[in-house]
Amino acid sequence: MKILAPVLATLSLILAGCGDQAGLSPAKGEATLYLSAIPDEKITEQKAKFDKLAEYLAGKLGVKVEFLFSKDYADSVTKFKNGEVHLVWFGGLSGVQARMAVPGAQAIAQGIEDPDYKSYFIANKATGLQPSEAFPAAIKDLTFTFGSPGSTSGRLMPTYFIMRNNGGVEPDKWFAQAPGFQLSGGHVATANAVADGIYQVGAINYKTYDDLVANDPKVAENTVKIWTTPSYADYNFTIHPEVETLFGEGFIAKVRQALIDTPAGSEALKAINRASIISAKNEDFEGIQKTAVELKLLDLY
């Protein structure tokens, strides 16, 4: 046994050296890629979906991937700023906020639908409002709810289009009653609030509403889509520059490609409710940043 001890020690050093040469040093091998998303639906349902995406990415990238939920939009930006999460499914506005807070952060991918995104204005059927191509000015005298204060499709762009159609008056001053917000539950909460008659009208992203109408009888039977906004760029995956240190040079490009390669119809892709994923870059969201600055809604966390 005494003779074998030096041999085993030497062998351990050789194997450790081989691991380092292969890029599998203990620091890199133990690092975890933390994935998160803005909570635009019920957190429990979102986690179940994003766990599937995390599992897919772990297999493609050869690293541990874990999903961490964010309690609200601001929390998702704060976690990213603090380096607690590395890859986040942001909305257009929250993505801009995150990248401004973290120099070197990059928007790397988006759903194929996201360059041409839109919002719906929906109403409780008891209002008698009907679908129209014209802006529904009659909502001025009704109770209205936005989604989260940090939502692109539930707050920023609906605010922009309301003001564009009323001579530039801010919603708080234009509506007969000040609009409300859905501080948790995001777009699903907006649909339920309108379906239940808590608010007569609301702004919601079109993907969530179309999905709810197809799968939620309450929303389908009690609400109606009354107006569709013009299109704009929205959701995106944004990645923290620290991953290049944690996982090696070129890791950002690997993540981008892994996302683009997510199989159509897979459980992983269902996490973001998109048909496929395409590449994205920071410049794609300059219009969102300009609008947020114009409306003074570019709060940084």
Protein backbone atom coordinates (compact mmCIF):
# COMPACT_ATOMS: atom_id res chain seq x y z
CA MET A 1 0.00 0.00 0.00
CA LYS A 2 2.88 2.37 0.78
CA ILE A 3 4.33 1.73 -2.67
CA LEU A 4 0.99 2.38 -4.41
CA ALA A 5 0.30 5.70 -2.67
CA PRO A 6 2.83 7.80 -4.69
CA VAL A 7 1.64 6.15 -7.91
CA LEU A 8 -2.01 6.96 -7.19
CA ALA A 9 -1.11 10.53 -6.28
CA THR A 10 0.81 10.95 -9.54
CA LEU A 11 -2.07 9.45 -11.52
CA SER A 12 -4.51 11.87 -9.88
CA LEU A 13 -2.35 14.83 -10.91
CA ILE A 14 -2.14 13.57 -14.49
CA LEU A 15 -5.92 13.14 -14.73
CA ALA A 16 -6.49 16.58 -13.23
CA GLY A 17 -4.14 18.07 -15.81
CA CYS A 18 -6.00 16.34 -18.63
CA GLY A 19 -9.28 17.77 -17.33
CA ASP A 20 -7.90 21.31 -17.35
CA GLN A 21 -6.60 20.90 -20.90
CA ALA A 22 -10.07 19.81 -22.00
CA GLY A 23 -11.63 22.95 -20.53
CA LEU A 24 -13.17 21.00 -17.64
CA SER A 25 -11.48 22.69 -14.70
CA PRO A 26 -13.39 22.33 -11.40
CA ALA A 27 -14.46 26.00 -11.51
CA LYS A 28 -16.01 25.66 -14.95
CA GLY A 29 -17.40 22.20 -14.37
CA GLU A 30 -19.26 23.28 -11.22
CA ALA A 31 -20.63 26.57 -12.58
CA THR A 32 -24.37 26.83 -13.15
CA LEU A 33 -26.07 28.84 -15.88
CA TYR A 34 -29.05 30.51 -14.21
CA LEU A 35 -32.07 31.05 -16.44
CA SER A 36 -35.01 33.34 -15.63
CA ALA A 37 -37.94 35.13 -17.26
CA ILE A 38 -40.29 38.02 -16.66
CA PRO A 39 -43.36 36.64 -14.83
CA ASP A 40 -46.02 37.33 -17.46
CA GLU A 41 -48.07 34.30 -16.34
CA LYS A 42 -48.60 32.33 -13.13
CA ILE A 43 -45.18 31.58 -11.66
CA THR A 44 -45.93 27.92 -10.92
CA GLU A 45 -46.97 27.27 -14.51
CA GLN A 46 -44.04 29.26 -15.87
CA LYS A 47 -41.49 27.32 -13.82
CA ALA A 48 -42.79 23.97 -15.08
CA LYS A 49 -42.37 25.18 -18.68
CA PHE A 50 -38.96 26.79 -18.23
CA ASP A 51 -37.59 23.76 -16.40
CA LYS A 52 -38.01 21.96 -19.75
CA LEU A 53 -36.04 24.69 -21.53
CA ALA A 54 -33.34 24.50 -18.85
CA GLU A 55 -33.12 20.74 -19.35
CA TYR A 56 -32.75 21.18 -23.11
CA LEU A 57 -30.05 23.85 -22.78
CA ALA A 58 -28.11 21.75 -20.28
CA GLY A 59 -27.98 18.90 -22.79
CA LYS A 60 -26.92 21.15 -25.66
CA LEU A 61 -24.35 23.18 -23.75
CA GLY A 62 -22.90 20.55 -21.42
CA VAL A 63 -23.34 22.72 -18.33
CA LYS A 64 -25.76 22.74 -15.44
CA VAL A 65 -28.76 25.02 -16.11
CA GLU A 66 -31.28 26.02 -13.46
CA PHE A 67 -34.42 28.16 -13.76
CA LEU A 68 -34.99 30.81 -11.09
CA PHE A 69 -38.34 32.60 -11.05
CA SER A 70 -38.62 36.37 -10.67
CA LYS A 71 -41.45 37.77 -8.54
CA ASP A 72 -42.10 40.70 -10.90
CA TYR A 73 -40.60 42.51 -13.88
CA ALA A 74 -38.40 44.75 -11.72
CA ASP A 75 -37.05 41.69 -9.89
CA SER A 76 -35.99 40.08 -13.17
CA VAL A 77 -33.98 43.18 -14.08
CA THR A 78 -32.47 43.44 -10.60
CA LYS A 79 -31.42 39.78 -10.57
CA PHE A 80 -29.75 40.23 -13.96
CA LYS A 81 -28.01 43.44 -12.88
CA ASN A 82 -26.65 41.70 -9.78
CA GLY A 83 -25.43 38.69 -11.75
CA GLU A 84 -27.83 36.31 -9.96
CA VAL A 85 -29.18 35.15 -13.33
CA HIS A 86 -27.33 34.95 -16.64
CA LEU A 87 -29.91 34.31 -19.36
CA VAL A 88 -33.34 35.94 -19.15
CA TRP A 89 -36.45 35.89 -21.31
CA PHE A 90 -37.23 39.62 -21.13
CA GLY A 91 -39.88 41.79 -22.70
CA GLY A 92 -38.73 44.60 -24.96
CA LEU A 93 -38.68 47.23 -22.21
CA SER A 94 -37.24 45.07 -19.43
CA GLY A 95 -34.57 43.85 -21.85
CA VAL A 96 -33.56 47.44 -22.61
CA GLN A 97 -33.45 48.22 -18.89
CA ALA A 98 -31.30 45.16 -18.17
CA ARG A 99 -28.81 45.85 -20.96
CA MET A 100 -28.47 49.48 -19.93
CA ALA A 101 -27.74 48.34 -16.36
CA VAL A 102 -25.11 45.77 -17.42
CA PRO A 103 -22.49 46.98 -19.94
CA GLY A 104 -21.71 44.22 -22.42
CA ALA A 105 -25.06 42.46 -22.03
CA GLN A 106 -26.48 41.25 -25.34
CA ALA A 107 -29.87 40.42 -26.78
CA ILE A 108 -29.05 37.17 -28.57
CA ALA A 109 -32.33 35.55 -29.62
CA GLN A 110 -36.05 36.14 -29.98
CA GLY A 111 -39.14 34.30 -31.11
CA ILE A 112 -39.84 34.43 -34.82
CA GLU A 113 -42.97 36.42 -33.97
CA ASP A 114 -41.21 39.01 -31.82
CA PRO A 115 -39.99 41.51 -34.43
CA ASP A 116 -43.66 41.96 -35.40
CA TYR A 117 -45.37 41.85 -32.01
CA LYS A 118 -48.61 43.58 -31.00
CA SER A 119 -51.03 44.20 -28.17
CA TYR A 120 -54.77 43.71 -27.97
CA PHE A 121 -57.26 45.88 -26.18
CA ILE A 122 -59.89 43.53 -24.77
CA ALA A 123 -63.25 44.30 -23.17
CA ASN A 124 -65.76 42.52 -21.00
CA LYS A 125 -68.65 41.54 -23.29
CA ALA A 126 -71.11 43.34 -21.02
CA THR A 127 -69.69 46.65 -22.30
CA GLY A 128 -71.19 45.97 -25.72
CA LEU A 129 -67.95 47.02 -27.41
CA GLN A 130 -67.21 45.35 -30.73
CA PRO A 131 -64.00 44.73 -32.72
CA SER A 132 -62.89 47.73 -34.77
CA GLU A 133 -59.92 48.79 -36.88
CA ALA A 134 -60.23 52.30 -35.45
CA PHE A 135 -58.91 53.17 -32.00
CA PRO A 136 -61.77 52.58 -29.50
CA ALA A 137 -62.16 56.10 -28.10
CA ALA A 138 -65.22 54.98 -26.10
CA ILE A 139 -62.92 53.28 -23.57
CA LYS A 140 -62.17 56.74 -22.17
CA ASP A 141 -65.19 56.52 -19.86
CA LEU A 142 -64.66 52.88 -18.84
CA THR A 143 -62.45 51.28 -16.21
CA PHE A 144 -59.14 50.19 -17.77
CA THR A 145 -56.21 48.07 -16.65
CA PHE A 146 -52.68 47.78 -17.92
CA GLY A 147 -50.55 44.70 -17.22
CA SER A 148 -47.36 45.01 -15.21
CA PRO A 149 -45.90 48.55 -14.96
CA GLY A 150 -42.73 47.18 -16.61
CA SER A 151 -44.48 45.35 -19.46
CA THR A 152 -43.82 46.33 -23.06
CA SER A 153 -47.01 44.84 -24.51
CA GLY A 154 -49.12 45.41 -21.40
CA ARG A 155 -48.09 48.95 -20.49
CA LEU A 156 -45.42 50.76 -22.56
CA MET A 157 -46.80 50.34 -26.07
CA PRO A 158 -50.49 50.57 -25.09
CA THR A 159 -49.63 53.87 -23.37
CA TYR A 160 -47.90 55.05 -26.54
CA PHE A 161 -50.84 54.17 -28.77
CA ILE A 162 -53.41 55.65 -26.39
CA MET A 163 -51.52 58.94 -26.39
CA ARG A 164 -51.01 58.85 -30.15
CA ASN A 165 -54.77 58.61 -30.60
CA ASN A 166 -55.87 61.22 -28.06
CA GLY A 167 -53.63 64.18 -28.87
CA GLY A 168 -50.78 63.20 -26.54
CA VAL A 169 -52.66 63.15 -23.22
CA GLU A 170 -51.25 60.72 -20.63
CA PRO A 171 -53.60 57.85 -19.69
CA ASP A 172 -53.87 59.02 -16.06
CA LYS A 173 -55.33 62.29 -17.32
CA TRP A 174 -57.27 60.97 -20.32
CA PHE A 175 -59.32 58.18 -18.74
CA ALA A 176 -62.27 59.21 -16.58
CA GLN A 177 -60.82 56.94 -13.88
CA ALA A 178 -57.10 56.33 -13.42
CA PRO A 179 -56.03 53.01 -15.01
CA GLY A 180 -55.08 50.06 -12.84
CA PHE A 181 -52.15 47.64 -13.08
CA GLN A 182 -51.75 43.90 -12.62
CA LEU A 183 -48.80 43.69 -10.25
CA SER A 184 -48.59 39.90 -10.36
CA GLY A 185 -49.71 37.30 -12.86
CA GLY A 186 -48.99 39.58 -15.81
CA HIS A 187 -51.10 39.14 -18.91
CA VAL A 188 -53.10 36.21 -17.55
CA ALA A 189 -54.13 38.40 -14.62
CA THR A 190 -55.24 41.11 -17.05
CA ALA A 191 -57.43 38.66 -18.97
CA ASN A 192 -59.00 37.36 -15.76
CA ALA A 193 -59.61 40.87 -14.40
CA VAL A 194 -61.51 41.81 -17.56
CA ALA A 195 -63.35 38.47 -17.78
CA ASP A 196 -64.45 38.83 -14.15
CA GLY A 197 -65.62 42.42 -14.67
CA ILE A 198 -63.12 43.88 -12.22
CA TYR A 199 -62.09 46.13 -15.10
CA GLN A 200 -64.16 46.74 -18.22
CA VAL A 201 -61.20 47.00 -20.61
CA GLY A 202 -57.53 46.00 -20.56
CA ALA A 203 -54.31 45.83 -22.59
CA ILE A 204 -52.72 42.43 -23.13
CA ASN A 205 -50.14 40.79 -25.41
CA TYR A 206 -51.73 39.03 -28.33
CA LYS A 207 -49.98 35.68 -27.87
CA THR A 208 -51.27 35.21 -24.33
CA TYR A 209 -54.79 36.28 -25.22
CA ASP A 210 -55.05 34.03 -28.28
CA ASP A 211 -53.84 31.10 -26.18
CA LEU A 212 -56.32 31.84 -23.40
CA VAL A 213 -59.25 32.13 -25.81
CA ALA A 214 -58.35 28.70 -27.17
CA ASN A 215 -57.94 27.07 -23.75
CA ASP A 216 -59.79 29.05 -21.08
CA PRO A 217 -63.61 29.03 -21.41
CA LYS A 218 -64.05 31.89 -18.93
CA VAL A 219 -61.86 34.26 -20.94
CA ALA A 220 -63.35 33.10 -24.25
CA GLU A 221 -66.95 33.52 -23.11
CA ASN A 222 -66.65 36.80 -21.22
CA THR A 223 -64.21 38.94 -23.22
CA VAL A 224 -63.86 40.30 -26.72
CA LYS A 225 -60.85 41.67 -28.59
CA ILE A 226 -61.82 45.19 -29.62
CA TRP A 227 -58.60 46.62 -31.10
CA THR A 228 -55.15 45.53 -32.26
CA THR A 229 -52.20 47.92 -32.04
CA PRO A 230 -49.66 48.46 -34.81
CA SER A 231 -46.65 46.14 -34.50
CA TYR A 232 -43.38 46.66 -32.62
CA ALA A 233 -40.37 44.59 -31.44
CA ASP A 234 -40.79 42.84 -28.10
CA TYR A 235 -39.55 39.73 -26.25
CA ASN A 236 -35.93 38.55 -26.32
CA PHE A 237 -33.33 36.41 -24.61
CA THR A 238 -30.64 38.64 -23.10
CA ILE A 239 -27.39 37.17 -21.77
CA HIS A 240 -24.96 38.45 -19.13
CA PRO A 241 -21.34 39.02 -20.26
CA GLU A 242 -20.08 37.17 -17.16
CA VAL A 243 -20.87 33.84 -18.83
CA GLU A 244 -17.75 34.20 -20.97
CA THR A 245 -15.71 34.11 -17.75
CA LEU A 246 -17.71 31.33 -16.14
CA PHE A 247 -17.94 29.00 -19.13
CA GLY A 248 -15.21 30.13 -21.51
CA GLU A 249 -14.75 32.38 -24.49
CA GLY A 250 -17.35 31.87 -27.20
CA PHE A 251 -20.04 30.64 -24.80
CA ILE A 252 -22.48 33.39 -25.78
CA ALA A 253 -22.40 32.25 -29.39
CA LYS A 254 -23.02 28.66 -28.24
CA VAL A 255 -26.07 29.72 -26.23
CA ARG A 256 -27.45 31.70 -29.16
CA GLN A 257 -27.10 28.71 -31.47
CA ALA A 258 -28.61 26.33 -28.92
CA LEU A 259 -31.65 28.58 -28.62
CA ILE A 260 -32.02 28.88 -32.39
CA ASP A 261 -31.78 25.09 -32.66
CA THR A 262 -34.61 24.48 -30.17
CA PRO A 263 -36.84 21.95 -31.96
CA ALA A 264 -40.22 23.15 -33.23
CA GLY A 265 -43.08 21.79 -31.16
CA SER A 266 -40.78 20.70 -28.33
CA GLU A 267 -41.55 21.12 -24.64
CA ALA A 268 -38.51 23.40 -24.45
CA LEU A 269 -39.95 25.77 -27.05
CA LYS A 270 -43.36 25.80 -25.38
CA ALA A 271 -41.73 27.73 -22.52
CA ILE A 272 -41.88 30.90 -24.59
CA ASN A 273 -44.98 30.07 -26.69
CA ARG A 274 -43.25 30.65 -30.03
CA ALA A 275 -43.13 28.73 -33.32
CA SER A 276 -39.33 28.99 -33.49
CA ILE A 277 -36.38 31.08 -32.31
CA ILE A 278 -34.26 33.43 -34.41
CA SER A 279 -31.21 35.57 -33.75
CA ALA A 280 -31.48 39.04 -32.18
CA LYS A 281 -29.21 41.98 -31.42
CA ASN A 282 -29.39 45.03 -29.18
CA GLU A 283 -30.11 47.35 -32.08
CA ASP A 284 -33.40 45.57 -32.77
CA PHE A 285 -34.87 47.23 -29.68
CA GLU A 286 -33.73 50.82 -30.18
CA GLY A 287 -37.32 51.80 -31.02
CA ILE A 288 -38.51 50.45 -27.67
CA GLN A 289 -35.79 52.41 -25.86
CA LYS A 290 -36.68 55.61 -27.72
CA THR A 291 -40.36 55.21 -26.88
CA ALA A 292 -39.62 54.52 -23.21
CA VAL A 293 -37.44 57.63 -22.99
CA GLU A 294 -40.12 59.71 -24.72
CA LEU A 295 -42.79 58.52 -22.28
CA LYS A 296 -40.44 58.75 -19.28
CA LEU A 297 -40.95 55.08 -18.48
CA LEU A 298 -37.33 53.95 -18.61
CA ASP A 299 -36.86 53.36 -14.90
CA LEU A 300 -33.60 51.59 -14.03
CA TYR A 301 -33.35 49.19 -11.11
